[in-house]
């Protein structure tokens, strides 16, 4: 089952240098993220419950970016590097 939400959770936008994370960790094996700003520049992350970042990617386009990984509990997040405030759509798949 695919579940989608927004970063920051609940709507709004984050400014340059600001982080946003999903509010909970989710049992998952796939994540994707997309941003809808004119000048996207951000790094997105997938993080385990112990705080280990298991994946990160710096993005400079508005395409949807995805990553498959071993099933575990993760949360997704992003840091905005652009001077334009932004928000992201983020999704995960619960494999079970």
Protein backbone atom coordinates (compact mmCIF):
# COMPACT_ATOMS: atom_id res chain seq x y z
CA UNK A 1 0.00 0.00 0.00
CA UNK A 2 1.38 3.40 -1.01
CA UNK A 3 0.91 6.28 1.43
CA UNK A 4 1.67 9.91 0.54
CA UNK A 5 1.98 13.11 2.49
CA UNK A 6 3.79 16.43 2.46
CA UNK A 7 6.96 17.91 3.87
CA UNK A 8 6.59 19.80 6.03
CA UNK A 9 3.82 17.62 7.47
CA UNK A 10 0.52 19.45 7.52
CA UNK A 11 1.42 21.85 4.72
CA UNK A 12 3.31 25.09 4.56
CA UNK A 13 6.82 25.63 3.23
CA UNK A 14 10.36 25.62 4.61
CA UNK A 15 13.04 28.21 3.92
CA UNK A 16 16.69 27.83 2.98
CA UNK A 17 18.61 25.45 5.24
CA UNK A 18 15.49 24.17 6.99
CA UNK A 19 14.81 20.46 7.48
CA UNK A 20 11.44 18.73 7.34
CA UNK A 21 10.76 15.09 8.30
CA UNK A 22 7.75 12.80 8.21
CA UNK A 23 6.25 12.87 11.71
CA UNK A 24 6.51 9.09 12.19
CA UNK A 25 8.66 6.16 11.14
CA UNK A 26 6.90 3.77 8.78
CA UNK A 27 7.51 0.12 7.94
CA UNK A 28 8.49 0.44 4.30
CA UNK A 29 10.76 -0.66 1.46
CA UNK A 30 10.29 2.19 -1.05
CA UNK A 31 10.23 5.99 -0.82
CA UNK A 32 9.79 8.73 -3.41
CA UNK A 33 9.81 12.51 -3.28
CA UNK A 34 9.01 15.39 -5.60
CA UNK A 35 9.08 19.17 -5.30
CA UNK A 36 7.10 21.79 -7.18
CA UNK A 37 9.16 24.99 -7.08
CA UNK A 38 10.66 26.99 -9.91
CA UNK A 39 14.24 26.50 -8.68
CA UNK A 40 14.42 23.19 -6.80
CA UNK A 41 17.57 22.47 -4.82
CA UNK A 42 17.30 20.12 -1.87
CA UNK A 43 18.73 16.95 -0.35
CA UNK A 44 16.34 14.20 0.63
CA UNK A 45 16.99 11.45 3.13
CA UNK A 46 15.69 8.11 4.32
CA UNK A 47 16.51 7.50 7.97
CA UNK A 48 16.28 4.46 10.28
CA UNK A 49 14.84 4.69 13.80
CA UNK A 50 18.37 4.78 15.28
CA UNK A 51 19.09 8.02 13.39
CA UNK A 52 21.23 6.43 10.66
CA UNK A 53 20.67 7.97 7.24
CA UNK A 54 20.53 4.97 4.91
CA UNK A 55 20.06 7.03 1.75
CA UNK A 56 20.46 10.62 0.60
CA UNK A 57 20.37 12.38 -2.75
CA UNK A 58 20.87 16.03 -3.69
CA UNK A 59 18.31 17.12 -6.28
CA UNK A 60 18.23 20.10 -8.64
CA UNK A 61 15.18 19.26 -10.74
CA UNK A 62 11.44 18.88 -10.23
CA UNK A 63 11.26 15.19 -11.20
CA UNK A 64 10.06 12.51 -8.80
CA UNK A 65 13.02 10.68 -7.27
CA UNK A 66 12.71 7.24 -5.69
CA UNK A 67 14.67 4.61 -3.84
CA UNK A 68 14.05 0.94 -2.94
CA UNK A 69 15.64 -0.50 0.21
CA UNK A 70 15.34 -3.45 2.60
CA UNK A 71 12.09 -3.47 4.59
CA UNK A 72 12.47 -1.72 7.94
CA UNK A 73 11.10 1.26 9.87
CA UNK A 74 12.13 4.53 8.22
CA UNK A 75 11.18 8.17 8.01
CA UNK A 76 11.75 10.48 5.07
CA UNK A 77 13.05 14.01 5.16
CA UNK A 78 14.50 16.83 3.14
CA UNK A 79 16.60 19.94 3.60
CA UNK A 80 15.91 22.93 1.36
CA UNK A 81 19.06 24.51 -0.13
CA UNK A 82 17.20 27.03 -2.32
CA UNK A 83 16.55 30.63 -1.35
CA UNK A 84 12.91 29.98 -2.36
CA UNK A 85 10.67 28.48 0.34
CA UNK A 86 9.45 25.05 -0.73
CA UNK A 87 7.47 21.97 0.17
CA UNK A 88 7.63 18.40 -1.10
CA UNK A 89 5.31 15.52 -1.73
CA UNK A 90 6.68 12.32 -0.21
CA UNK A 91 5.42 8.74 -0.47
CA UNK A 92 6.34 5.33 0.92
CA UNK A 93 5.19 1.77 0.35
CA UNK A 94 4.39 -0.60 3.19
CA UNK A 95 5.29 -4.05 1.79
CA UNK A 96 3.25 -6.07 4.19
